[in-house]
């Protein structure tokens, strides 16, 4: 083999190695880096979970607003809560407690 062909083959090999390393680096950055596809997918999943949690919290807020409004205006609702939570009753009314066994 001549000297020129050896240099040429070494140069081609070096170019091939550099090109391969560059492609591998680009693939890593595109797929697995800080701003890669995997991180993008993770953030998208996290965003979806947070949106669902936000929706549930909005529904809970709305139901609590309804309860607050009832407590401000509806005396029968207040009486119902007093009977259920605090075992209160009207005068001349007997309160019967049912005790269940805890297993």
PDB file of N, CA and C in Angstrom:
ATOM      1  N   UNK A   1       0.825  -1.173   0.000  1.00  0.00           N
ATOM      2  CA  UNK A   1       0.000   0.000   0.000  1.00  0.00           C
ATOM      3  C   UNK A   1       0.868   1.233   0.000  1.00  0.00           C
ATOM      4  N   UNK A   2       0.466   2.148  -0.760  1.00  0.00           N
ATOM      5  CA  UNK A   2       1.270   3.357  -0.828  1.00  0.00           C
ATOM      6  C   UNK A   2       0.947   4.262   0.357  1.00  0.00           C
ATOM      7  N   UNK A   3       1.855   5.176   0.541  1.00  0.00           N
ATOM      8  CA  UNK A   3       1.729   6.103   1.654  1.00  0.00           C
ATOM      9  C   UNK A   3       0.480   6.976   1.510  1.00  0.00           C
ATOM     10  N   UNK A   4       0.185   7.388   0.325  1.00  0.00           N
ATOM     11  CA  UNK A   4      -0.953   8.239   0.061  1.00  0.00           C
ATOM     12  C   UNK A   4      -2.263   7.523   0.346  1.00  0.00           C
ATOM     13  N   UNK A   5      -2.371   6.246  -0.019  1.00  0.00           N
ATOM     14  CA  UNK A   5      -3.606   5.506   0.198  1.00  0.00           C
ATOM     15  C   UNK A   5      -3.821   5.226   1.690  1.00  0.00           C
ATOM     16  N   UNK A   6      -2.679   5.013   2.457  1.00  0.00           N
ATOM     17  CA  UNK A   6      -2.806   4.823   3.894  1.00  0.00           C
ATOM     18  C   UNK A   6      -3.314   6.088   4.573  1.00  0.00           C
ATOM     19  N   UNK A   7      -2.792   7.225   4.173  1.00  0.00           N
ATOM     20  CA  UNK A   7      -3.243   8.492   4.746  1.00  0.00           C
ATOM     21  C   UNK A   7      -4.701   8.738   4.393  1.00  0.00           C
ATOM     22  N   UNK A   8      -5.049   8.395   3.162  1.00  0.00           N
ATOM     23  CA  UNK A   8      -6.421   8.591   2.717  1.00  0.00           C
ATOM     24  C   UNK A   8      -7.379   7.700   3.503  1.00  0.00           C
ATOM     25  N   UNK A   9      -7.010   6.441   3.746  1.00  0.00           N
ATOM     26  CA  UNK A   9      -7.887   5.538   4.492  1.00  0.00           C
ATOM     27  C   UNK A   9      -7.976   5.961   5.958  1.00  0.00           C
ATOM     28  N   UNK A  10      -6.870   6.437   6.542  1.00  0.00           N
ATOM     29  CA  UNK A  10      -6.906   6.928   7.915  1.00  0.00           C
ATOM     30  C   UNK A  10      -7.771   8.173   8.016  1.00  0.00           C
ATOM     31  N   UNK A  11      -7.684   9.021   7.013  1.00  0.00           N
ATOM     32  CA  UNK A  11      -8.488  10.238   7.001  1.00  0.00           C
ATOM     33  C   UNK A  11      -9.979   9.905   6.891  1.00  0.00           C
ATOM     34  N   UNK A  12     -10.305   8.938   6.055  1.00  0.00           N
ATOM     35  CA  UNK A  12     -11.695   8.511   5.921  1.00  0.00           C
ATOM     36  C   UNK A  12     -12.212   7.908   7.230  1.00  0.00           C
ATOM     37  N   UNK A  13     -11.373   7.083   7.856  1.00  0.00           N
ATOM     38  CA  UNK A  13     -11.753   6.483   9.133  1.00  0.00           C
ATOM     39  C   UNK A  13     -11.972   7.566  10.190  1.00  0.00           C
ATOM     40  N   UNK A  14     -11.083   8.530  10.251  1.00  0.00           N
ATOM     41  CA  UNK A  14     -11.221   9.630  11.205  1.00  0.00           C
ATOM     42  C   UNK A  14     -12.487  10.441  10.919  1.00  0.00           C
ATOM     43  N   UNK A  15     -12.756  10.726   9.676  1.00  0.00           N
ATOM     44  CA  UNK A  15     -13.982  11.444   9.302  1.00  0.00           C
ATOM     45  C   UNK A  15     -15.225  10.638   9.693  1.00  0.00           C
ATOM     46  N   UNK A  16     -15.161   9.342   9.463  1.00  0.00           N
ATOM     47  CA  UNK A  16     -16.277   8.467   9.797  1.00  0.00           C
ATOM     48  C   UNK A  16     -16.508   8.462  11.318  1.00  0.00           C
ATOM     49  N   UNK A  17     -15.455   8.395  12.111  1.00  0.00           N
ATOM     50  CA  UNK A  17     -15.568   8.407  13.571  1.00  0.00           C
ATOM     51  C   UNK A  17     -16.135   9.742  14.053  1.00  0.00           C
ATOM     52  N   UNK A  18     -15.652  10.830  13.508  1.00  0.00           N
ATOM     53  CA  UNK A  18     -16.144  12.162  13.900  1.00  0.00           C
ATOM     54  C   UNK A  18     -17.615  12.316  13.534  1.00  0.00           C
ATOM     55  N   UNK A  19     -17.972  11.902  12.333  1.00  0.00           N
ATOM     56  CA  UNK A  19     -19.357  11.989  11.900  1.00  0.00           C
ATOM     57  C   UNK A  19     -20.263  11.120  12.781  1.00  0.00           C
ATOM     58  N   UNK A  20     -19.827   9.899  13.100  1.00  0.00           N
ATOM     59  CA  UNK A  20     -20.604   9.009  13.959  1.00  0.00           C
ATOM     60  C   UNK A  20     -20.779   9.608  15.359  1.00  0.00           C
ATOM     61  N   UNK A  21     -19.706  10.159  15.908  1.00  0.00           N
ATOM     62  CA  UNK A  21     -19.781  10.776  17.233  1.00  0.00           C
ATOM     63  C   UNK A  21     -20.742  11.962  17.218  1.00  0.00           C
ATOM     64  N   UNK A  22     -20.709  12.738  16.169  1.00  0.00           N
ATOM     65  CA  UNK A  22     -21.596  13.894  16.041  1.00  0.00           C
ATOM     66  C   UNK A  22     -23.056  13.445  15.960  1.00  0.00           C
ATOM     67  N   UNK A  23     -23.329  12.398  15.195  1.00  0.00           N
ATOM     68  CA  UNK A  23     -24.689  11.876  15.068  1.00  0.00           C
ATOM     69  C   UNK A  23     -25.177  11.320  16.405  1.00  0.00           C
ATOM     70  N   UNK A  24     -24.313  10.589  17.102  1.00  0.00           N
ATOM     71  CA  UNK A  24     -24.682  10.046  18.408  1.00  0.00           C
ATOM     72  C   UNK A  24     -24.978  11.187  19.378  1.00  0.00           C
ATOM     73  N   UNK A  25     -24.173  12.229  19.364  1.00  0.00           N
ATOM     74  CA  UNK A  25     -24.389  13.383  20.229  1.00  0.00           C
ATOM     75  C   UNK A  25     -25.725  14.062  19.917  1.00  0.00           C
ATOM     76  N   UNK A  26     -26.014  14.245  18.642  1.00  0.00           N
ATOM     77  CA  UNK A  26     -27.286  14.854  18.257  1.00  0.00           C
ATOM     78  C   UNK A  26     -28.474  13.996  18.693  1.00  0.00           C
ATOM     79  N   UNK A  27     -28.362  12.688  18.504  1.00  0.00           N
ATOM     80  CA  UNK A  27     -29.440  11.786  18.935  1.00  0.00           C
ATOM     81  C   UNK A  27     -29.644  11.858  20.442  1.00  0.00           C
ATOM     82  N   UNK A  28     -28.554  11.894  21.205  1.00  0.00           N
ATOM     83  CA  UNK A  28     -28.673  11.986  22.653  1.00  0.00           C
ATOM     84  C   UNK A  28     -29.367  13.287  23.051  1.00  0.00           C
ATOM     85  N   UNK A  29     -28.960  14.374  22.466  1.00  0.00           N
ATOM     86  CA  UNK A  29     -29.560  15.659  22.812  1.00  0.00           C
ATOM     87  C   UNK A  29     -31.025  15.718  22.395  1.00  0.00           C
ATOM     88  N   UNK A  30     -31.345  15.121  21.266  1.00  0.00           N
ATOM     89  CA  UNK A  30     -32.716  15.151  20.762  1.00  0.00           C
ATOM     90  C   UNK A  30     -33.635  14.259  21.587  1.00  0.00           C
ATOM     91  N   UNK A  31     -33.149  13.105  21.988  1.00  0.00           N
ATOM     92  CA  UNK A  31     -33.995  12.144  22.699  1.00  0.00           C
ATOM     93  C   UNK A  31     -33.866  12.249  24.212  1.00  0.00           C
ATOM     94  N   UNK A  32     -32.647  12.284  24.735  1.00  0.00           N
ATOM     95  CA  UNK A  32     -32.494  12.142  26.170  1.00  0.00           C
ATOM     96  C   UNK A  32     -31.932  13.328  26.917  1.00  0.00           C
ATOM     97  N   UNK A  33     -31.634  14.389  26.280  1.00  0.00           N
ATOM     98  CA  UNK A  33     -31.027  15.518  26.959  1.00  0.00           C
ATOM     99  C   UNK A  33     -32.012  16.290  27.825  1.00  0.00           C
ATOM    100  N   UNK A  34     -31.557  17.421  28.320  1.00  0.00           N
ATOM    101  CA  UNK A  34     -32.379  18.246  29.202  1.00  0.00           C
ATOM    102  C   UNK A  34     -33.661  18.696  28.515  1.00  0.00           C
ATOM    103  N   UNK A  35     -33.602  18.923  27.234  1.00  0.00           N
ATOM    104  CA  UNK A  35     -34.774  19.361  26.477  1.00  0.00           C
ATOM    105  C   UNK A  35     -35.190  18.319  25.442  1.00  0.00           C
ATOM    106  N   UNK A  36     -34.894  17.068  25.717  1.00  0.00           N
ATOM    107  CA  UNK A  36     -35.173  16.001  24.764  1.00  0.00           C
ATOM    108  C   UNK A  36     -36.615  15.532  24.783  1.00  0.00           C
ATOM    109  N   UNK A  37     -36.879  14.570  23.942  1.00  0.00           N
ATOM    110  CA  UNK A  37     -38.230  14.038  23.801  1.00  0.00           C
ATOM    111  C   UNK A  37     -38.733  13.374  25.072  1.00  0.00           C
ATOM    112  N   UNK A  38     -37.864  12.631  25.761  1.00  0.00           N
ATOM    113  CA  UNK A  38     -38.287  11.952  26.983  1.00  0.00           C
ATOM    114  C   UNK A  38     -38.687  12.978  28.046  1.00  0.00           C
ATOM    115  N   UNK A  39     -37.894  14.009  28.205  1.00  0.00           N
ATOM    116  CA  UNK A  39     -38.210  15.065  29.179  1.00  0.00           C
ATOM    117  C   UNK A  39     -39.492  15.784  28.770  1.00  0.00           C
ATOM    118  N   UNK A  40     -39.659  16.013  27.490  1.00  0.00           N
ATOM    119  CA  UNK A  40     -40.885  16.644  26.988  1.00  0.00           C
ATOM    120  C   UNK A  40     -42.102  15.788  27.319  1.00  0.00           C
ATOM    121  N   UNK A  41     -41.991  14.476  27.139  1.00  0.00           N
ATOM    122  CA  UNK A  41     -43.084  13.559  27.448  1.00  0.00           C
ATOM    123  C   UNK A  41     -43.400  13.582  28.937  1.00  0.00           C
ATOM    124  N   UNK A  42     -42.347  13.577  29.795  1.00  0.00           N
ATOM    125  CA  UNK A  42     -42.548  13.626  31.240  1.00  0.00           C
ATOM    126  C   UNK A  42     -43.284  14.903  31.643  1.00  0.00           C
ATOM    127  N   UNK A  43     -42.868  16.022  31.107  1.00  0.00           N
ATOM    128  CA  UNK A  43     -43.500  17.296  31.442  1.00  0.00           C
ATOM    129  C   UNK A  43     -44.950  17.330  30.970  1.00  0.00           C
ATOM    130  N   UNK A  44     -45.216  16.729  29.824  1.00  0.00           N
ATOM    131  CA  UNK A  44     -46.582  16.677  29.317  1.00  0.00           C
ATOM    132  C   UNK A  44     -47.468  15.844  30.240  1.00  0.00           C
ATOM    133  N   UNK A  45     -46.956  14.708  30.723  1.00  0.00           N
ATOM    134  CA  UNK A  45     -47.700  13.868  31.650  1.00  0.00           C
ATOM    135  C   UNK A  45     -47.953  14.608  32.968  1.00  0.00           C
ATOM    136  N   UNK A  46     -46.936  15.300  33.449  1.00  0.00           N
ATOM    137  CA  UNK A  46     -47.073  16.056  34.694  1.00  0.00           C
ATOM    138  C   UNK A  46     -48.101  17.166  34.535  1.00  0.00           C
ATOM    139  N   UNK A  47     -48.084  17.834  33.411  1.00  0.00           N
ATOM    140  CA  UNK A  47     -49.038  18.905  33.148  1.00  0.00           C
ATOM    141  C   UNK A  47     -50.465  18.355  33.118  1.00  0.00           C
ATOM    142  N   UNK A  48     -50.642  17.204  32.496  1.00  0.00           N
ATOM    143  CA  UNK A  48     -51.965  16.580  32.424  1.00  0.00           C
ATOM    144  C   UNK A  48     -52.479  16.242  33.822  1.00  0.00           C
ATOM    145  N   UNK A  49     -51.605  15.688  34.671  1.00  0.00           N
ATOM    146  CA  UNK A  49     -51.998  15.348  36.039  1.00  0.00           C
ATOM    147  C   UNK A  49     -52.368  16.604  36.823  1.00  0.00           C
ATOM    148  N   UNK A  50     -51.606  17.662  36.637  1.00  0.00           N
ATOM    149  CA  UNK A  50     -51.903  18.911  37.336  1.00  0.00           C
ATOM    150  C   UNK A  50     -53.208  19.532  36.851  1.00  0.00           C
ATOM    151  N   UNK A  51     -53.495  19.416  35.571  1.00  0.00           N
ATOM    152  CA  UNK A  51     -54.754  19.942  35.039  1.00  0.00           C
ATOM    153  C   UNK A  51     -55.944  19.172  35.626  1.00  0.00           C
ATOM    154  N   UNK A  52     -55.812  17.852  35.750  1.00  0.00           N
ATOM    155  CA  UNK A  52     -56.880  17.047  36.336  1.00  0.00           C
ATOM    156  C   UNK A  52     -57.080  17.415  37.811  1.00  0.00           C
ATOM    157  N   UNK A  53     -55.967  17.611  38.525  1.00  0.00           N
ATOM    158  CA  UNK A  53     -56.062  18.001  39.931  1.00  0.00           C
ATOM    159  C   UNK A  53     -56.708  19.379  40.066  1.00  0.00           C
ATOM    160  N   UNK A  54     -56.359  20.287  39.169  1.00  0.00           N
ATOM    161  CA  UNK A  54     -56.951  21.624  39.182  1.00  0.00           C
ATOM    162  C   UNK A  54     -58.449  21.551  38.950  1.00  0.00           C
ATOM    163  N   UNK A  55     -58.870  20.712  38.029  1.00  0.00           N
ATOM    164  CA  UNK A  55     -60.299  20.552  37.738  1.00  0.00           C
ATOM    165  C   UNK A  55     -61.040  20.015  38.962  1.00  0.00           C
ATOM    166  N   UNK A  56     -60.452  19.027  39.633  1.00  0.00           N
ATOM    167  CA  UNK A  56     -61.075  18.464  40.832  1.00  0.00           C
ATOM    168  C   UNK A  56     -61.166  19.514  41.939  1.00  0.00           C
ATOM    169  N   UNK A  57     -60.128  20.311  42.092  1.00  0.00           N
ATOM    170  CA  UNK A  57     -60.145  21.355  43.113  1.00  0.00           C
ATOM    171  C   UNK A  57     -61.173  22.440  42.805  1.00  0.00           C
ATOM    172  N   UNK A  58     -61.361  22.750  41.522  1.00  0.00           N
ATOM    173  CA  UNK A  58     -62.384  23.730  41.149  1.00  0.00           C
ATOM    174  C   UNK A  58     -63.780  23.205  41.485  1.00  0.00           C
ATOM    175  N   UNK A  59     -64.012  21.914  41.227  1.00  0.00           N
ATOM    176  CA  UNK A  59     -65.309  21.318  41.560  1.00  0.00           C
ATOM    177  C   UNK A  59     -65.539  21.325  43.066  1.00  0.00           C
ATOM    178  N   UNK A  60     -64.486  21.014  43.820  1.00  0.00           N
ATOM    179  CA  UNK A  60     -64.604  21.032  45.275  1.00  0.00           C
ATOM    180  C   UNK A  60     -64.884  22.456  45.774  1.00  0.00           C
ATOM    181  N   UNK A  61     -64.212  23.437  45.204  1.00  0.00           N
ATOM    182  CA  UNK A  61     -64.440  24.830  45.571  1.00  0.00           C
ATOM    183  C   UNK A  61     -65.883  25.234  45.308  1.00  0.00           C
ATOM    184  N   UNK A  62     -66.403  24.835  44.150  1.00  0.00           N
ATOM    185  CA  UNK A  62     -67.789  25.179  43.815  1.00  0.00           C
ATOM    186  C   UNK A  62     -68.774  24.532  44.781  1.00  0.00           C
ATOM    187  N   UNK A  63     -68.540  23.269  45.133  1.00  0.00           N
ATOM    188  CA  UNK A  63     -69.449  22.610  46.072  1.00  0.00           C
ATOM    189  C   UNK A  63     -69.355  23.244  47.460  1.00  0.00           C
ATOM    190  N   UNK A  64     -68.166  23.670  47.865  1.00  0.00           N
ATOM    191  CA  UNK A  64     -68.032  24.341  49.157  1.00  0.00           C
ATOM    192  C   UNK A  64     -68.716  25.706  49.157  1.00  0.00           C
ATOM    193  N   UNK A  65     -68.680  26.380  48.031  1.00  0.00           N
ATOM    194  CA  UNK A  65     -69.393  27.663  47.925  1.00  0.00           C
ATOM    195  C   UNK A  65     -70.900  27.457  48.077  1.00  0.00           C
ATOM    196  N   UNK A  66     -71.410  26.369  47.510  1.00  0.00           N
ATOM    197  CA  UNK A  66     -72.839  26.060  47.639  1.00  0.00           C
ATOM    198  C   UNK A  66     -73.181  25.781  49.101  1.00  0.00           C
ATOM    199  N   UNK A  67     -72.324  25.006  49.784  1.00  0.00           N
ATOM    200  CA  UNK A  67     -72.557  24.707  51.195  1.00  0.00           C
ATOM    201  C   UNK A  67     -72.527  25.986  52.022  1.00  0.00           C
ATOM    202  N   UNK A  68     -71.587  26.864  51.753  1.00  0.00           N
ATOM    203  CA  UNK A  68     -71.501  28.139  52.474  1.00  0.00           C
ATOM    204  C   UNK A  68     -72.771  28.952  52.264  1.00  0.00           C
ATOM    205  N   UNK A  69     -73.224  28.997  51.034  1.00  0.00           N
ATOM    206  CA  UNK A  69     -74.443  29.748  50.733  1.00  0.00           C
ATOM    207  C   UNK A  69     -75.643  29.160  51.473  1.00  0.00           C
ATOM    208  N   UNK A  70     -75.739  27.826  51.519  1.00  0.00           N
ATOM    209  CA  UNK A  70     -76.839  27.182  52.239  1.00  0.00           C
ATOM    210  C   UNK A  70     -76.752  27.481  53.735  1.00  0.00           C
ATOM    211  N   UNK A  71     -75.531  27.457  54.283  1.00  0.00           N
ATOM    212  CA  UNK A  71     -75.368  27.734  55.702  1.00  0.00           C
ATOM    213  C   UNK A  71     -75.743  29.175  56.049  1.00  0.00           C
ATOM    214  N   UNK A  72     -75.560  30.078  55.105  1.00  0.00           N
ATOM    215  CA  UNK A  72     -75.922  31.484  55.348  1.00  0.00           C
ATOM    216  C   UNK A  72     -77.428  31.719  55.259  1.00  0.00           C
ATOM    217  N   UNK A  73     -78.122  30.943  54.422  1.00  0.00           N
ATOM    218  CA  UNK A  73     -79.513  31.272  54.129  1.00  0.00           C
ATOM    219  C   UNK A  73     -80.538  30.204  54.518  1.00  0.00           C
ATOM    220  N   UNK A  74     -80.195  28.943  54.491  1.00  0.00           N
ATOM    221  CA  UNK A  74     -81.172  27.860  54.637  1.00  0.00           C
ATOM    222  C   UNK A  74     -81.155  27.299  56.066  1.00  0.00           C
ATOM    223  N   UNK A  75     -82.186  27.630  56.848  1.00  0.00           N
ATOM    224  CA  UNK A  75     -82.228  27.164  58.240  1.00  0.00           C
ATOM    225  C   UNK A  75     -82.488  25.664  58.333  1.00  0.00           C
ATOM    226  N   UNK A  76     -83.197  25.079  57.386  1.00  0.00           N
ATOM    227  CA  UNK A  76     -83.438  23.629  57.425  1.00  0.00           C
ATOM    228  C   UNK A  76     -82.136  22.863  57.175  1.00  0.00           C
ATOM    229  N   UNK A  77     -81.269  23.410  56.361  1.00  0.00           N
ATOM    230  CA  UNK A  77     -79.965  22.775  56.113  1.00  0.00           C
ATOM    231  C   UNK A  77     -79.108  22.843  57.379  1.00  0.00           C
ATOM    232  N   UNK A  78     -79.169  23.967  58.073  1.00  0.00           N
ATOM    233  CA  UNK A  78     -78.417  24.109  59.320  1.00  0.00           C
ATOM    234  C   UNK A  78     -78.925  23.092  60.342  1.00  0.00           C
ATOM    235  N   UNK A  79     -80.237  22.930  60.428  1.00  0.00           N
ATOM    236  CA  UNK A  79     -80.811  21.960  61.356  1.00  0.00           C
ATOM    237  C   UNK A  79     -80.379  20.541  60.990  1.00  0.00           C
ATOM    238  N   UNK A  80     -80.342  20.241  59.725  1.00  0.00           N
ATOM    239  CA  UNK A  80     -79.922  18.914  59.262  1.00  0.00           C
ATOM    240  C   UNK A  80     -78.475  18.638  59.669  1.00  0.00           C
ATOM    241  N   UNK A  81     -77.596  19.608  59.460  1.00  0.00           N
ATOM    242  CA  UNK A  81     -76.189  19.451  59.829  1.00  0.00           C
ATOM    243  C   UNK A  81     -76.056  19.287  61.339  1.00  0.00           C
ATOM    244  N   UNK A  82     -76.811  20.093  62.108  1.00  0.00           N
ATOM    245  CA  UNK A  82     -76.749  20.002  63.567  1.00  0.00           C
ATOM    246  C   UNK A  82     -77.186  18.620  64.035  1.00  0.00           C
ATOM    247  N   UNK A  83     -78.187  18.060  63.420  1.00  0.00           N
ATOM    248  CA  UNK A  83     -78.665  16.727  63.808  1.00  0.00           C
ATOM    249  C   UNK A  83     -77.651  15.641  63.429  1.00  0.00           C
ATOM    250  N   UNK A  84     -77.102  15.722  62.240  1.00  0.00           N
ATOM    251  CA  UNK A  84     -76.198  14.666  61.774  1.00  0.00           C
ATOM    252  C   UNK A  84     -74.836  14.723  62.458  1.00  0.00           C
ATOM    253  N   UNK A  85     -74.224  15.883  62.501  1.00  0.00           N
ATOM    254  CA  UNK A  85     -72.857  15.979  62.998  1.00  0.00           C
ATOM    255  C   UNK A  85     -72.776  16.102  64.514  1.00  0.00           C
ATOM    256  N   UNK A  86     -73.694  16.841  65.093  1.00  0.00           N
ATOM    257  CA  UNK A  86     -73.560  17.180  66.502  1.00  0.00           C
ATOM    258  C   UNK A  86     -74.613  16.510  67.387  1.00  0.00           C
ATOM    259  N   UNK A  87     -75.375  15.587  66.828  1.00  0.00           N
ATOM    260  CA  UNK A  87     -76.381  14.829  67.566  1.00  0.00           C
ATOM    261  C   UNK A  87     -77.330  15.740  68.354  1.00  0.00           C
ATOM    262  N   UNK A  88     -77.722  16.804  67.759  1.00  0.00           N
ATOM    263  CA  UNK A  88     -78.648  17.735  68.390  1.00  0.00           C
ATOM    264  C   UNK A  88     -80.069  17.409  67.936  1.00  0.00           C
ATOM    265  N   UNK A  89     -81.018  17.819  68.728  1.00  0.00           N
ATOM    266  CA  UNK A  89     -82.397  17.581  68.378  1.00  0.00           C
ATOM    267  C   UNK A  89     -83.281  18.714  68.868  1.00  0.00           C
ATOM    268  N   UNK A  90     -84.525  18.642  68.488  1.00  0.00           N
ATOM    269  CA  UNK A  90     -85.494  19.634  68.941  1.00  0.00           C
ATOM    270  C   UNK A  90     -85.882  19.319  70.388  1.00  0.00           C
ATOM    271  N   UNK A  91     -86.444  20.306  71.082  1.00  0.00           N
ATOM    272  CA  UNK A  91     -86.924  20.001  72.436  1.00  0.00           C
ATOM    273  C   UNK A  91     -87.987  18.896  72.383  1.00  0.00           C
ATOM    274  N   UNK A  92     -88.030  18.065  73.394  1.00  0.00           N
ATOM    275  CA  UNK A  92     -88.947  16.923  73.501  1.00  0.00           C
ATOM    276  C   UNK A  92     -88.686  15.864  72.419  1.00  0.00           C
ATOM    277  N   UNK A  93     -87.504  15.805  71.919  1.00  0.00           N
ATOM    278  CA  UNK A  93     -87.150  14.820  70.895  1.00  0.00           C
ATOM    279  C   UNK A  93     -86.066  13.923  71.475  1.00  0.00           C
ATOM    280  N   UNK A  94     -86.214  12.616  71.319  1.00  0.00           N
ATOM    281  CA  UNK A  94     -85.208  11.681  71.811  1.00  0.00           C
ATOM    282  C   UNK A  94     -84.193  11.395  70.720  1.00  0.00           C
ATOM    283  N   UNK A  95     -82.951  11.325  71.119  1.00  0.00           N
ATOM    284  CA  UNK A  95     -81.874  11.009  70.172  1.00  0.00           C
ATOM    285  C   UNK A  95     -81.408   9.595  70.468  1.00  0.00           C
ATOM    286  N   UNK A  96     -81.447   8.768  69.456  1.00  0.00           N
ATOM    287  CA  UNK A  96     -81.036   7.377  69.600  1.00  0.00           C
ATOM    288  C   UNK A  96     -79.728   7.202  68.844  1.00  0.00           C
ATOM    289  N   UNK A  97     -78.725   6.727  69.562  1.00  0.00           N
ATOM    290  CA  UNK A  97     -77.421   6.491  68.940  1.00  0.00           C
ATOM    291  C   UNK A  97     -77.264   5.000  68.674  1.00  0.00           C
ATOM    292  N   UNK A  98     -76.813   4.681  67.503  1.00  0.00           N
ATOM    293  CA  UNK A  98     -76.578   3.289  67.133  1.00  0.00           C
ATOM    294  C   UNK A  98     -75.062   3.084  67.118  1.00  0.00           C
ATOM    295  N   UNK A  99     -74.609   2.192  67.972  1.00  0.00           N
ATOM    296  CA  UNK A  99     -73.172   1.935  68.071  1.00  0.00           C
ATOM    297  C   UNK A  99     -72.891   0.629  67.348  1.00  0.00           C
ATOM    298  N   UNK A 100     -71.951   0.679  66.421  1.00  0.00           N
ATOM    299  CA  UNK A 100     -71.577  -0.528  65.674  1.00  0.00           C
ATOM    300  C   UNK A 100     -70.236  -1.015  66.166  1.00  0.00           C
ATOM    301  N   UNK A 101     -70.015  -2.322  66.092  1.00  0.00           N
ATOM    302  CA  UNK A 101     -68.723  -2.895  66.482  1.00  0.00           C
ATOM    303  C   UNK A 101     -67.690  -2.590  65.413  1.00  0.00           C
ATOM    304  N   UNK A 102     -66.539  -2.197  65.874  1.00  0.00           N
ATOM    305  CA  UNK A 102     -65.421  -1.998  64.938  1.00  0.00           C
ATOM    306  C   UNK A 102     -64.601  -3.275  64.918  1.00  0.00           C
ATOM    307  N   UNK A 103     -64.363  -3.759  63.736  1.00  0.00           N
ATOM    308  CA  UNK A 103     -63.624  -5.015  63.616  1.00  0.00           C
ATOM    309  C   UNK A 103     -62.192  -4.746  63.309  1.00  0.00           C
TER     310      UNK A 103
END
